[in-house]
């Protein structure tokens, strides 16, 4: 049953990939015409050899020999022109289709809900989009063409063998069952090993990505040796799986060659005797040998290509799995719009939520909170209390199991994701910067922003003062993840991005917790500029940065346990007063003495 299901799924996956070929029907037809033409010319060369032997050599006529050689050269030129056309068209189709598949897979993956990437490693997905598509490209660009050409030559060569000499053909054809069955049997095993091989390569890619992204940590703990050892382990596993696959393919090819050439050897013995007896001509035997070798080469090529196709089938399965992955966070069928000139009032109504990986633990438990437009609230509490989960739900990275979030009275589940996120900006604790220039990273907040808009946002975020001192100013490349900037500078770039977006609702996730005192002071000034007239939610562990917000919400074990000002909470909340006493010299002075 499982084997039957596997076959059905593979056929369905191949059918899904074949849809990418439809836009290029004309080129495919032209490629097939060129393919048939070159195969036909190759088969006709056998008759040219027969004619050359019987009419050119046997008659000892220079004129006949010259005519046959000219004809042979003509066939060679025709074969070369046909091969050029076939090769160009097939390679173009392969490159184009694989590019389309890459674009389709990436486009689909980018739209998947963030929770998908908790159970699917980014390195593995990257491997599928690069390594698997490269393998598929090889198959589409050459292997299928080689397979079709050799199938035509196999059929044509076999037919011409039968026409030339039935007795000798029987000797060759009698070996076919001993060749076809091993190909089919071993091919199944190759396909299974091919998928495992691609999985092992994905493991290697994933580990390389993680190790290089965290190279400073690796060096800081002197774990270069451990990293090398772990990488070598993944690489060796990939190698061992590949070697097993190669062993099966080698057996497949060697077995085919041994059986085919053995049959040709037997044919030579019988055919040679017939030539000596005068039963057939030397030209007949030469043509037959040519067709027999052609059939043998075709079968050998088909057996090798079959292994490649099995590998491609495994890669196709992995790609189609990504294409068929469904996002659990989707736009509503009949979306609503936010009110015209909406202000950004936010209300959390009886929110309860658990992560699918921990269904027995409520990350949020019946949380309700209303924040008027333009006001600010800070979320404080121990790690794991549910603060960041609220941000994830507000951005609809997840949906709550109970309750809802409303913006200006509209449930965010009734909005399209684009409209919801259009008026929300987030500044995380560790800002995400992309490889590229300062201008590109700030402009990420508003792709159609003008140069003046970008510079104005940078100035408002107190970023312009260091950007202009960079070697190329706003055109300076920041390196991978902004590695060429300090933590405070990266944070100010992220704030400039948020200012440029000009959102109604602002989410600040511990935006200053990783900074030194001087950087925190500058970033805090930038945040004050950003927060003006915006509905702002702040997650903070440093209470000194949030004592002046309009409200402070205290979270504990997924519940909103207290809500009030700093002084009110110092008197009413045991948890808050304990947190404050650890950070302030005089907890009741609003943190001004810190």
Protein backbone atom coordinates (compact mmCIF):
# COMPACT_ATOMS: atom_id res chain seq x y z
CA UNK A 1 0.00 0.00 0.00
CA UNK A 2 2.73 2.47 0.95
CA UNK A 3 4.62 1.67 -2.28
CA UNK A 4 1.43 2.25 -4.27
CA UNK A 5 0.81 5.56 -2.52
CA UNK A 6 4.41 6.58 -3.10
CA UNK A 7 4.07 5.90 -6.82
CA UNK A 8 0.83 7.88 -6.99
CA UNK A 9 2.35 10.82 -5.15
CA UNK A 10 5.42 10.76 -7.40
CA UNK A 11 3.27 10.75 -10.53
CA UNK A 12 1.19 13.60 -9.09
CA UNK A 13 4.34 15.57 -8.25
CA UNK A 14 5.78 15.06 -11.74
CA UNK A 15 2.44 16.12 -13.22
CA UNK A 16 2.54 19.26 -11.08
CA UNK A 17 6.05 20.10 -12.27
CA UNK A 18 5.00 19.45 -15.88
CA UNK A 19 2.60 22.40 -15.59
CA UNK A 20 5.65 24.66 -15.71
CA UNK A 21 6.36 23.34 -19.23
CA UNK A 22 3.00 24.45 -20.68
CA UNK A 23 3.96 28.08 -21.50
CA UNK A 24 6.78 26.82 -23.73
CA UNK A 25 4.88 24.39 -25.97
CA UNK A 26 6.23 25.83 -29.24
CA UNK A 27 9.85 25.52 -28.13
CA UNK A 28 9.20 22.00 -26.85
CA UNK A 29 7.73 20.99 -30.22
CA UNK A 30 10.74 22.50 -32.05
CA UNK A 31 13.10 20.67 -29.68
CA UNK A 32 11.27 17.38 -30.34
CA UNK A 33 11.48 17.96 -34.11
CA UNK A 34 15.24 18.55 -33.80
CA UNK A 35 15.49 15.48 -31.57
CA UNK A 36 13.69 13.21 -34.06
CA UNK A 37 15.72 14.67 -36.94
CA UNK A 38 19.11 14.02 -35.29
CA UNK A 39 18.05 10.53 -34.23
CA UNK A 40 16.91 9.78 -37.78
CA UNK A 41 20.20 11.03 -39.24
CA UNK A 42 22.15 8.90 -36.76
CA UNK A 43 20.17 5.82 -37.78
CA UNK A 44 20.65 6.58 -41.48
CA UNK A 45 24.42 6.67 -40.97
CA UNK A 46 24.23 2.86 -40.56
CA UNK A 47 22.92 2.57 -44.09
CA UNK A 48 25.71 4.91 -45.21
CA UNK A 49 28.27 2.55 -43.66
CA UNK A 50 26.61 -0.42 -45.39
CA UNK A 51 26.67 1.36 -48.74
CA UNK A 52 30.31 2.45 -48.21
CA UNK A 53 31.44 -1.13 -47.52
CA UNK A 54 29.43 -2.85 -50.26
CA UNK A 55 29.57 -0.19 -52.99
CA UNK A 56 32.78 1.67 -52.14
CA UNK A 57 35.22 -0.86 -50.75
CA UNK A 58 33.95 -4.13 -52.19
CA UNK A 59 33.77 -2.78 -55.79
CA UNK A 60 37.18 -1.13 -55.43
CA UNK A 61 35.74 1.88 -57.33
CA UNK A 62 37.20 5.29 -56.47
CA UNK A 63 34.10 7.06 -57.82
CA UNK A 64 31.75 4.97 -55.71
CA UNK A 65 33.97 5.44 -52.67
CA UNK A 66 34.10 9.23 -53.24
CA UNK A 67 30.30 9.42 -53.61
CA UNK A 68 29.71 7.48 -50.40
CA UNK A 69 32.22 9.62 -48.46
CA UNK A 70 30.56 12.84 -49.72
CA UNK A 71 27.18 11.45 -48.65
CA UNK A 72 28.61 10.51 -45.26
CA UNK A 73 30.00 14.05 -44.78
CA UNK A 74 26.58 15.47 -45.73
CA UNK A 75 24.93 13.34 -43.04
CA UNK A 76 27.56 14.52 -40.55
CA UNK A 77 26.83 18.20 -41.30
CA UNK A 78 23.08 17.61 -41.00
CA UNK A 79 23.66 15.82 -37.68
CA UNK A 80 25.76 18.71 -36.38
CA UNK A 81 23.14 21.34 -37.32
CA UNK A 82 20.33 19.26 -35.82
CA UNK A 83 22.34 18.67 -32.64
CA UNK A 84 22.98 22.42 -32.26
CA UNK A 85 19.27 23.19 -32.55
CA UNK A 86 18.31 20.39 -30.16
CA UNK A 87 20.95 21.27 -27.58
CA UNK A 88 20.12 25.00 -27.57
CA UNK A 89 16.34 24.54 -27.37
CA UNK A 90 16.49 21.83 -24.69
CA UNK A 91 18.98 23.76 -22.54
CA UNK A 92 16.92 26.95 -22.85
CA UNK A 93 13.75 25.12 -21.80
CA UNK A 94 15.52 23.53 -18.83
CA UNK A 95 16.99 26.82 -17.60
CA UNK A 96 13.69 28.68 -18.07
CA UNK A 97 11.50 26.07 -16.38
CA UNK A 98 13.83 25.68 -13.40
CA UNK A 99 13.97 29.47 -12.99
CA UNK A 100 10.16 29.52 -12.99
CA UNK A 101 10.07 26.74 -10.39
CA UNK A 102 12.58 28.55 -8.16
CA UNK A 103 10.53 31.74 -8.37
CA UNK A 104 7.28 29.88 -7.66
CA UNK A 105 8.70 27.98 -4.67
CA UNK A 106 10.31 31.07 -3.13
CA UNK A 107 7.18 33.15 -3.72
CA UNK A 108 5.07 30.49 -2.02
CA UNK A 109 7.48 29.99 0.90
CA UNK A 110 7.69 33.73 1.62
CA UNK A 111 3.89 33.82 1.99
CA UNK A 112 3.79 30.94 4.48
CA UNK A 113 3.00 31.80 8.10
CA UNK A 114 6.08 32.26 10.35
CA UNK A 115 5.10 29.22 12.42
CA UNK A 116 5.95 27.04 9.41
CA UNK A 117 9.62 27.89 9.85
CA UNK A 118 9.66 26.64 13.45
CA UNK A 119 9.39 23.05 12.20
CA UNK A 120 11.16 23.54 8.85
CA UNK A 121 14.76 24.72 9.00
CA UNK A 122 15.69 27.63 6.76
CA UNK A 123 18.87 25.86 5.65
CA UNK A 124 16.89 22.86 4.42
CA UNK A 125 14.46 25.10 2.54
CA UNK A 126 17.42 26.91 1.00
CA UNK A 127 18.87 23.57 -0.08
CA UNK A 128 15.62 22.61 -1.76
CA UNK A 129 15.43 25.89 -3.68
CA UNK A 130 19.08 25.70 -4.78
CA UNK A 131 20.45 22.13 -4.76
CA UNK A 132 17.23 20.34 -5.70
CA UNK A 133 16.38 22.77 -8.48
CA UNK A 134 19.94 22.48 -9.81
CA UNK A 135 19.49 18.71 -10.03
CA UNK A 136 16.12 19.18 -11.70
CA UNK A 137 17.74 21.64 -14.11
CA UNK A 138 20.30 19.01 -15.11
CA UNK A 139 17.55 16.52 -15.82
CA UNK A 140 15.35 18.92 -17.78
CA UNK A 141 18.27 20.37 -19.71
CA UNK A 142 20.00 17.13 -20.72
CA UNK A 143 18.82 13.88 -19.17
CA UNK A 144 15.31 13.92 -20.64
CA UNK A 145 16.70 14.88 -24.04
CA UNK A 146 19.26 12.06 -23.85
CA UNK A 147 16.57 9.61 -22.75
CA UNK A 148 14.18 10.53 -25.57
CA UNK A 149 16.94 10.47 -28.18
CA UNK A 150 18.14 7.07 -27.06
CA UNK A 151 14.62 5.66 -26.89
CA UNK A 152 14.11 6.72 -30.52
CA UNK A 153 17.46 5.22 -31.52
CA UNK A 154 16.70 2.07 -29.53
CA UNK A 155 13.40 1.59 -31.36
CA UNK A 156 14.81 2.62 -34.73
CA UNK A 157 18.02 0.63 -34.29
CA UNK A 158 16.08 -2.47 -33.25
CA UNK A 159 13.77 -2.13 -36.25
CA UNK A 160 16.68 -1.75 -38.69
CA UNK A 161 18.48 -4.68 -37.04
CA UNK A 162 15.45 -6.87 -37.72
CA UNK A 163 15.27 -5.65 -41.30
CA UNK A 164 19.00 -6.27 -41.82
CA UNK A 165 19.22 -9.74 -40.26
CA UNK A 166 16.58 -11.50 -38.20
CA UNK A 167 18.85 -14.30 -36.92
CA UNK A 168 21.45 -11.91 -35.53
CA UNK A 169 18.71 -9.69 -34.09
CA UNK A 170 17.36 -12.59 -32.06
CA UNK A 171 20.76 -12.99 -30.39
CA UNK A 172 20.78 -9.31 -29.37
CA UNK A 173 17.12 -9.05 -28.39
CA UNK A 174 17.23 -12.21 -26.29
CA UNK A 175 19.43 -10.34 -23.81
CA UNK A 176 16.96 -7.45 -23.36
CA UNK A 177 14.88 -9.02 -20.53
CA UNK A 178 18.11 -9.57 -18.57
CA UNK A 179 18.86 -5.86 -18.95
CA UNK A 180 15.43 -4.27 -18.46
CA UNK A 181 14.49 -6.08 -15.25
CA UNK A 182 17.67 -5.13 -13.34
CA UNK A 183 17.22 -1.52 -14.49
CA UNK A 184 13.69 -1.40 -13.07
CA UNK A 185 14.61 -3.27 -9.88
CA UNK A 186 17.77 -1.34 -9.03
CA UNK A 187 16.21 1.94 -10.21
CA UNK A 188 13.65 1.83 -7.40
CA UNK A 189 16.43 1.54 -4.85
CA UNK A 190 18.34 4.40 -6.52
CA UNK A 191 15.30 6.67 -6.23
CA UNK A 192 14.95 6.00 -2.51
CA UNK A 193 18.65 6.61 -1.93
CA UNK A 194 18.54 9.77 -4.05
CA UNK A 195 15.97 11.37 -1.78
CA UNK A 196 18.00 10.41 1.29
CA UNK A 197 21.10 11.84 -0.37
CA UNK A 198 19.36 15.16 -1.00
CA UNK A 199 18.19 15.20 2.64
CA UNK A 200 21.77 14.66 3.85
CA UNK A 201 23.01 17.48 1.60
CA UNK A 202 20.31 19.70 3.10
CA UNK A 203 21.61 18.83 6.59
CA UNK A 204 25.09 19.95 5.52
CA UNK A 205 23.71 23.23 4.14
CA UNK A 206 21.71 23.86 7.31
CA UNK A 207 24.71 23.34 9.59
CA UNK A 208 26.95 25.57 7.46
CA UNK A 209 24.38 28.37 7.66
CA UNK A 210 24.03 28.11 11.44
CA UNK A 211 27.78 27.89 12.08
CA UNK A 212 28.67 30.85 9.88
CA UNK A 213 25.83 33.01 11.18
CA UNK A 214 27.07 32.44 14.72
CA UNK A 215 30.79 32.44 13.95
CA UNK A 216 31.64 34.90 16.74
CA UNK A 217 30.04 32.62 19.33
CA UNK A 218 31.90 29.64 17.88
CA UNK A 219 35.22 31.49 18.21
CA UNK A 220 34.40 32.94 21.61
CA UNK A 221 33.94 29.45 23.07
CA UNK A 222 36.93 28.05 21.13
CA UNK A 223 34.60 25.60 19.44
CA UNK A 224 36.15 25.72 15.96
CA UNK A 225 37.28 22.11 16.41
CA UNK A 226 33.82 21.03 17.57
CA UNK A 227 32.21 22.86 14.63
CA UNK A 228 34.57 21.14 12.20
CA UNK A 229 33.88 17.78 13.78
CA UNK A 230 30.10 18.23 13.62
CA UNK A 231 30.29 19.47 10.05
CA UNK A 232 32.48 16.53 9.08
CA UNK A 233 29.88 14.22 10.61
CA UNK A 234 27.10 15.68 8.46
CA UNK A 235 29.35 15.70 5.38
CA UNK A 236 30.38 12.07 5.93
CA UNK A 237 26.75 10.99 6.32
CA UNK A 238 25.97 12.69 3.00
CA UNK A 239 29.00 10.99 1.45
CA UNK A 240 28.07 7.54 2.72
CA UNK A 241 24.51 7.87 1.40
CA UNK A 242 25.84 9.12 -1.93
CA UNK A 243 28.34 6.24 -2.15
CA UNK A 244 25.56 3.71 -1.59
CA UNK A 245 23.53 5.35 -4.35
CA UNK A 246 26.57 5.41 -6.65
CA UNK A 247 27.23 1.73 -5.94
CA UNK A 248 23.75 0.77 -7.07
CA UNK A 249 24.01 2.95 -10.18
CA UNK A 250 27.44 1.48 -10.99
CA UNK A 251 26.05 -2.03 -10.74
CA UNK A 252 23.19 -0.99 -12.99
CA UNK A 253 25.45 0.43 -15.72
CA UNK A 254 28.07 -2.36 -15.48
CA UNK A 255 25.43 -5.08 -15.69
CA UNK A 256 23.86 -3.47 -18.75
CA UNK A 257 27.24 -3.12 -20.51
CA UNK A 258 28.29 -6.70 -19.70
CA UNK A 259 25.08 -8.23 -20.99
CA UNK A 260 24.86 -6.06 -24.10
CA UNK A 261 28.50 -6.43 -25.16
CA UNK A 262 28.31 -10.15 -24.39
CA UNK A 263 25.36 -10.40 -26.78
CA UNK A 264 27.27 -8.38 -29.41
CA UNK A 265 30.24 -10.74 -29.03
CA UNK A 266 27.98 -13.73 -29.68
CA UNK A 267 26.51 -11.88 -32.64
CA UNK A 268 30.01 -11.28 -34.07
CA UNK A 269 30.76 -14.99 -33.90
CA UNK A 270 27.59 -15.98 -35.71
CA UNK A 271 27.63 -13.04 -38.16
CA UNK A 272 31.32 -13.57 -39.01
CA UNK A 273 30.59 -17.16 -39.95
CA UNK A 274 27.71 -16.03 -42.20
CA UNK A 275 29.99 -13.54 -44.01
CA UNK A 276 32.57 -16.28 -44.56
CA UNK A 277 29.85 -18.56 -45.90
CA UNK A 278 28.53 -15.76 -48.15
CA UNK A 279 25.08 -15.76 -46.52
CA UNK A 280 25.34 -12.01 -45.85
CA UNK A 281 27.62 -9.27 -47.18
CA UNK A 282 30.30 -7.45 -45.25
CA UNK A 283 28.21 -4.28 -45.56
CA UNK A 284 25.22 -6.03 -43.95
CA UNK A 285 27.38 -7.13 -41.01
CA UNK A 286 28.98 -3.67 -40.68
CA UNK A 287 25.54 -1.99 -40.67
CA UNK A 288 24.22 -4.57 -38.23
CA UNK A 289 27.19 -4.06 -35.90
CA UNK A 290 26.60 -0.31 -36.07
CA UNK A 291 22.94 -0.75 -35.12
CA UNK A 292 23.77 -3.26 -32.42
CA UNK A 293 26.31 -0.90 -30.88
CA UNK A 294 23.79 1.93 -31.23
CA UNK A 295 21.16 -0.16 -29.42
CA UNK A 296 23.69 -1.13 -26.75
CA UNK A 297 24.77 2.48 -26.22
CA UNK A 298 21.13 3.57 -26.12
CA UNK A 299 20.28 0.99 -23.46
CA UNK A 300 23.36 1.94 -21.45
CA UNK A 301 22.48 5.64 -21.69
CA UNK A 302 18.86 4.94 -20.76
CA UNK A 303 19.94 2.93 -17.71
CA UNK A 304 22.20 5.79 -16.61
CA UNK A 305 19.58 8.43 -17.30
CA UNK A 306 17.03 6.32 -15.45
CA UNK A 307 19.19 6.70 -12.35
CA UNK A 308 19.32 10.46 -12.90
CA UNK A 309 15.56 10.56 -13.34
CA UNK A 310 15.16 8.67 -10.07
CA UNK A 311 17.32 11.28 -8.35
CA UNK A 312 15.28 14.04 -9.97
CA UNK A 313 12.12 12.35 -8.79
CA UNK A 314 13.37 12.57 -5.19
CA UNK A 315 14.27 16.24 -5.68
CA UNK A 316 10.87 16.87 -7.28
CA UNK A 317 9.11 15.33 -4.28
CA UNK A 318 10.94 17.72 -1.95
CA UNK A 319 10.18 20.77 -4.10
CA UNK A 320 6.52 19.91 -4.52
CA UNK A 321 6.24 19.40 -0.76
CA UNK A 322 7.19 23.06 -0.39
CA UNK A 323 4.85 24.15 -3.18
CA UNK A 324 1.98 22.27 -1.54
CA UNK A 325 2.66 23.50 2.00
CA UNK A 326 -0.38 25.39 3.20
CA UNK A 327 -0.33 28.49 5.34
CA UNK A 328 -2.66 28.39 8.32
CA UNK A 329 -2.79 32.20 8.36
CA UNK A 330 -4.71 33.39 5.29
CA UNK A 331 -6.77 36.36 4.19
CA UNK A 332 -10.52 36.15 4.90
CA UNK A 333 -12.82 35.32 1.98
CA UNK A 334 -14.79 38.53 2.46
CA UNK A 335 -12.34 40.99 4.04
CA UNK A 336 -13.40 44.18 5.77
CA UNK A 337 -11.63 47.53 5.61
CA UNK A 338 -10.51 49.68 8.49
CA UNK A 339 -12.58 52.85 8.93
CA UNK A 340 -11.49 55.83 6.85
CA UNK A 341 -8.92 57.91 8.72
CA UNK A 342 -8.77 55.23 11.41
CA UNK A 343 -6.83 56.27 14.49
CA UNK A 344 -5.23 53.07 15.72
CA UNK A 345 -7.19 52.13 18.84
CA UNK A 346 -6.34 48.57 19.86
CA UNK A 347 -8.35 46.21 22.05
CA UNK A 348 -7.44 42.70 23.19
CA UNK A 349 -10.59 40.76 24.08
CA UNK A 350 -10.30 37.59 26.18
CA UNK A 351 -7.20 36.35 24.35
CA UNK A 352 -6.20 32.75 24.99
CA UNK A 353 -3.47 31.07 22.97
CA UNK A 354 -1.16 28.06 23.02
CA UNK A 355 1.57 27.03 20.59
CA UNK A 356 0.93 23.83 18.65
CA UNK A 357 4.16 22.37 20.04
CA UNK A 358 2.86 22.87 23.61
CA UNK A 359 -0.93 22.41 23.55
CA UNK A 360 -1.10 21.81 27.31
CA UNK A 361 0.45 25.19 28.17
CA UNK A 362 -1.43 28.48 27.69
CA UNK A 363 1.01 31.16 26.53
CA UNK A 364 -1.84 33.65 27.00
CA UNK A 365 -4.77 33.06 29.33
CA UNK A 366 -7.88 35.24 28.97
CA UNK A 367 -6.02 38.53 28.39
CA UNK A 368 -8.09 41.68 27.90
CA UNK A 369 -6.74 45.19 27.39
CA UNK A 370 -7.85 48.36 25.61
CA UNK A 371 -5.44 51.06 24.45
CA UNK A 372 -6.73 54.33 23.04
CA UNK A 373 -5.26 55.75 19.87
CA UNK A 374 -2.02 57.65 20.43
CA UNK A 375 -1.50 56.20 23.91
CA UNK A 376 1.27 53.88 25.08
CA UNK A 377 1.43 50.74 27.19
CA UNK A 378 4.42 48.78 28.43
CA UNK A 379 4.40 45.03 28.96
CA UNK A 380 6.59 43.89 31.83
CA UNK A 381 7.04 40.62 33.62
CA UNK A 382 9.28 37.55 33.79
CA UNK A 383 10.56 35.82 30.64
CA UNK A 384 7.95 33.49 29.21
CA UNK A 385 5.06 35.47 30.68
CA UNK A 386 3.41 35.98 27.25
CA UNK A 387 4.56 39.48 26.30
CA UNK A 388 6.11 38.65 22.92
CA UNK A 389 3.21 36.34 22.13
CA UNK A 390 0.87 39.34 22.13
CA UNK A 391 3.05 40.95 19.42
CA UNK A 392 2.97 37.77 17.35
CA UNK A 393 -0.83 37.69 17.55
CA UNK A 394 -1.16 41.39 16.70
CA UNK A 395 0.84 40.82 13.52
CA UNK A 396 -1.17 37.62 12.84
CA UNK A 397 1.85 35.38 12.80
CA UNK A 398 -0.55 33.15 14.72
CA UNK A 399 -4.27 33.25 15.51
CA UNK A 400 -5.59 32.87 19.08
CA UNK A 401 -7.64 29.82 19.96
CA UNK A 402 -10.06 32.07 21.86
CA UNK A 403 -10.83 35.77 21.86
CA UNK A 404 -9.71 38.36 19.34
CA UNK A 405 -7.76 41.55 18.66
CA UNK A 406 -9.59 44.62 17.37
CA UNK A 407 -8.25 47.74 15.66
CA UNK A 408 -10.74 50.61 15.70
CA UNK A 409 -13.48 48.04 16.33
CA UNK A 410 -12.56 45.67 13.48
CA UNK A 411 -11.35 42.15 14.25
CA UNK A 412 -7.93 41.78 12.65
CA UNK A 413 -8.97 38.34 11.33
CA UNK A 414 -11.46 40.18 9.12
CA UNK A 415 -8.67 42.24 7.52
CA UNK A 416 -6.30 41.18 4.78
CA UNK A 417 -2.78 40.58 6.07
CA UNK A 418 -1.54 43.41 3.86
CA UNK A 419 -3.97 45.95 5.29
CA UNK A 420 -3.35 44.82 8.87
CA UNK A 421 0.43 45.07 8.63
CA UNK A 422 0.42 48.24 6.55
CA UNK A 423 -0.13 50.39 9.63
CA UNK A 424 2.01 48.40 12.09
CA UNK A 425 5.77 48.73 12.51
CA UNK A 426 7.99 46.73 14.82
CA UNK A 427 11.43 47.52 16.22
CA UNK A 428 12.84 44.27 17.66
CA UNK A 429 15.53 43.79 20.28
CA UNK A 430 17.92 42.47 17.62
CA UNK A 431 17.07 44.46 14.48
CA UNK A 432 17.00 42.65 11.17
CA UNK A 433 19.26 44.26 8.60
CA UNK A 434 19.81 42.91 5.11
CA UNK A 435 22.96 42.70 3.03
CA UNK A 436 22.94 45.99 1.14
CA UNK A 437 23.31 49.72 1.62
CA UNK A 438 22.06 51.99 4.38
CA UNK A 439 19.59 53.48 1.91
CA UNK A 440 18.17 50.07 1.01
CA UNK A 441 17.80 49.03 4.65
CA UNK A 442 16.00 52.21 5.71
CA UNK A 443 13.96 52.19 2.50
CA UNK A 444 12.72 48.71 3.39
CA UNK A 445 10.09 50.49 5.48
CA UNK A 446 8.68 52.20 2.38
CA UNK A 447 10.02 50.91 -0.95
CA UNK A 448 8.76 53.94 -2.93
CA UNK A 449 10.30 56.49 -0.54
CA UNK A 450 12.31 59.36 -1.99
CA UNK A 451 15.90 60.16 -1.08
CA UNK A 452 14.65 63.10 0.99
CA UNK A 453 12.21 60.86 2.91
CA UNK A 454 15.00 58.38 3.76
CA UNK A 455 17.36 61.09 4.98
CA UNK A 456 14.58 62.76 7.02
CA UNK A 457 13.78 59.41 8.70
CA UNK A 458 17.47 58.86 9.44
CA UNK A 459 17.75 62.30 11.02
CA UNK A 460 14.65 61.70 13.14
CA UNK A 461 16.19 58.43 14.34
CA UNK A 462 19.54 60.14 15.10
CA UNK A 463 21.14 57.88 12.50
CA UNK A 464 22.19 60.53 9.99
CA UNK A 465 24.99 61.69 12.28
CA UNK A 466 26.90 58.40 11.90
CA UNK A 467 25.70 57.48 8.40
CA UNK A 468 27.31 60.54 6.82
CA UNK A 469 30.63 59.50 8.37
CA UNK A 470 30.55 56.08 6.69
CA UNK A 471 32.91 55.65 3.69
CA UNK A 472 30.10 55.97 1.14
CA UNK A 473 27.41 57.58 3.26
CA UNK A 474 23.96 56.22 2.50
CA UNK A 475 25.44 53.98 -0.21
CA UNK A 476 27.70 52.19 2.29
CA UNK A 477 27.27 48.43 2.34
CA UNK A 478 26.35 47.11 5.80
CA UNK A 479 27.49 43.51 5.28
CA UNK A 480 25.55 40.42 6.28
CA UNK A 481 22.96 41.27 8.98
CA UNK A 482 24.53 44.75 9.39
CA UNK A 483 27.77 43.31 10.78
CA UNK A 484 29.68 46.53 9.99
CA UNK A 485 27.62 48.60 12.43
CA UNK A 486 27.52 48.67 16.22
CA UNK A 487 24.44 47.50 18.11
CA UNK A 488 23.23 51.05 18.72
CA UNK A 489 23.73 52.00 15.07
CA UNK A 490 21.81 48.97 13.87
CA UNK A 491 19.01 49.85 16.23
CA UNK A 492 18.81 53.41 14.92
CA UNK A 493 18.65 52.12 11.33
CA UNK A 494 15.71 49.93 12.40
CA UNK A 495 14.03 52.91 14.04
CA UNK A 496 14.57 55.03 10.91
CA UNK A 497 12.91 52.26 8.92
CA UNK A 498 9.90 52.34 11.25
CA UNK A 499 9.72 56.16 11.09
CA UNK A 500 9.77 55.99 7.30
CA UNK A 501 6.85 53.55 7.33
CA UNK A 502 4.89 56.08 9.42
CA UNK A 503 2.61 53.51 11.13
CA UNK A 504 -0.44 54.11 13.27
CA UNK A 505 0.59 51.29 15.64
CA UNK A 506 4.11 50.74 16.94
CA UNK A 507 5.55 47.60 18.55
CA UNK A 508 8.82 48.01 20.45
CA UNK A 509 10.28 44.70 21.57
CA UNK A 510 13.00 45.45 24.14
CA UNK A 511 14.49 47.92 21.69
CA UNK A 512 17.18 49.15 24.12
CA UNK A 513 17.91 46.14 26.30
CA UNK A 514 21.07 45.08 24.44
CA UNK A 515 22.68 48.55 24.38
CA UNK A 516 25.24 50.33 26.53
CA UNK A 517 24.18 53.42 28.48
CA UNK A 518 25.36 55.96 25.87
CA UNK A 519 23.75 54.13 22.94
CA UNK A 520 20.60 53.60 24.98
CA UNK A 521 20.33 57.33 25.60
CA UNK A 522 20.52 58.15 21.87
CA UNK A 523 18.18 55.32 20.88
CA UNK A 524 15.72 56.32 23.60
CA UNK A 525 15.57 59.85 22.13
CA UNK A 526 14.89 58.33 18.72
CA UNK A 527 12.15 56.16 20.17
CA UNK A 528 10.49 59.17 21.80
CA UNK A 529 10.35 60.80 18.37
CA UNK A 530 8.94 57.62 16.88
CA UNK A 531 6.28 57.16 19.58
CA UNK A 532 4.73 60.62 19.21
CA UNK A 533 1.03 60.41 18.26
CA UNK A 534 1.26 56.66 17.72
CA UNK A 535 -0.43 53.83 19.57
CA UNK A 536 2.59 52.16 21.12
CA UNK A 537 3.17 48.79 22.75
CA UNK A 538 6.50 48.36 24.50
CA UNK A 539 8.09 45.19 25.85
CA UNK A 540 10.78 46.08 28.36
CA UNK A 541 12.90 44.48 31.02
CA UNK A 542 14.54 47.79 31.92
CA UNK A 543 11.73 49.49 33.79
CA UNK A 544 13.57 52.83 33.67
CA UNK A 545 12.74 53.05 29.95
CA UNK A 546 8.97 52.70 30.41
CA UNK A 547 8.02 54.39 33.67
CA UNK A 548 6.59 57.37 31.75
CA UNK A 549 4.28 55.44 29.41
CA UNK A 550 0.54 55.91 29.90
CA UNK A 551 0.00 52.43 31.32
CA UNK A 552 2.10 49.49 32.45
CA UNK A 553 0.68 45.98 32.06
CA UNK A 554 2.19 43.29 34.29
CA UNK A 555 2.19 39.76 32.85
CA UNK A 556 2.82 36.53 34.71
CA UNK A 557 2.40 32.97 33.41
CA UNK A 558 0.31 34.08 30.45
CA UNK A 559 -2.05 36.28 32.46
CA UNK A 560 -2.43 40.05 32.67
CA UNK A 561 -2.27 40.37 36.44
CA UNK A 562 -2.03 44.16 36.97
CA UNK A 563 -2.53 47.38 35.00
CA UNK A 564 -1.63 50.90 36.10
CA UNK A 565 1.04 53.57 36.36
CA UNK A 566 4.47 53.01 37.87
CA UNK A 567 3.51 54.45 41.27
CA UNK A 568 0.16 52.67 41.32
CA UNK A 569 1.77 49.33 40.58
CA UNK A 570 4.47 49.87 43.20
CA UNK A 571 1.68 49.93 45.75
CA UNK A 572 -0.69 47.33 44.27
CA UNK A 573 1.51 44.73 42.53
CA UNK A 574 3.88 42.54 44.50
CA UNK A 575 5.49 41.23 41.30
CA UNK A 576 6.06 44.71 39.85
CA UNK A 577 7.42 46.16 43.07
CA UNK A 578 9.84 43.23 43.31
CA UNK A 579 11.06 43.84 39.75
CA UNK A 580 11.39 47.56 40.44
CA UNK A 581 13.29 47.07 43.67
CA UNK A 582 15.93 45.12 41.76
CA UNK A 583 16.47 47.99 39.30
CA UNK A 584 15.82 51.30 41.07
CA UNK A 585 17.68 52.88 43.97
CA UNK A 586 14.41 54.48 45.07
CA UNK A 587 11.58 52.60 43.34
CA UNK A 588 9.02 55.32 44.04
CA UNK A 589 10.93 58.09 42.24
CA UNK A 590 9.79 56.92 38.76
CA UNK A 591 13.30 55.84 38.01
CA UNK A 592 14.62 59.40 37.66
CA UNK A 593 17.48 58.73 40.07
CA UNK A 594 18.75 55.76 38.09
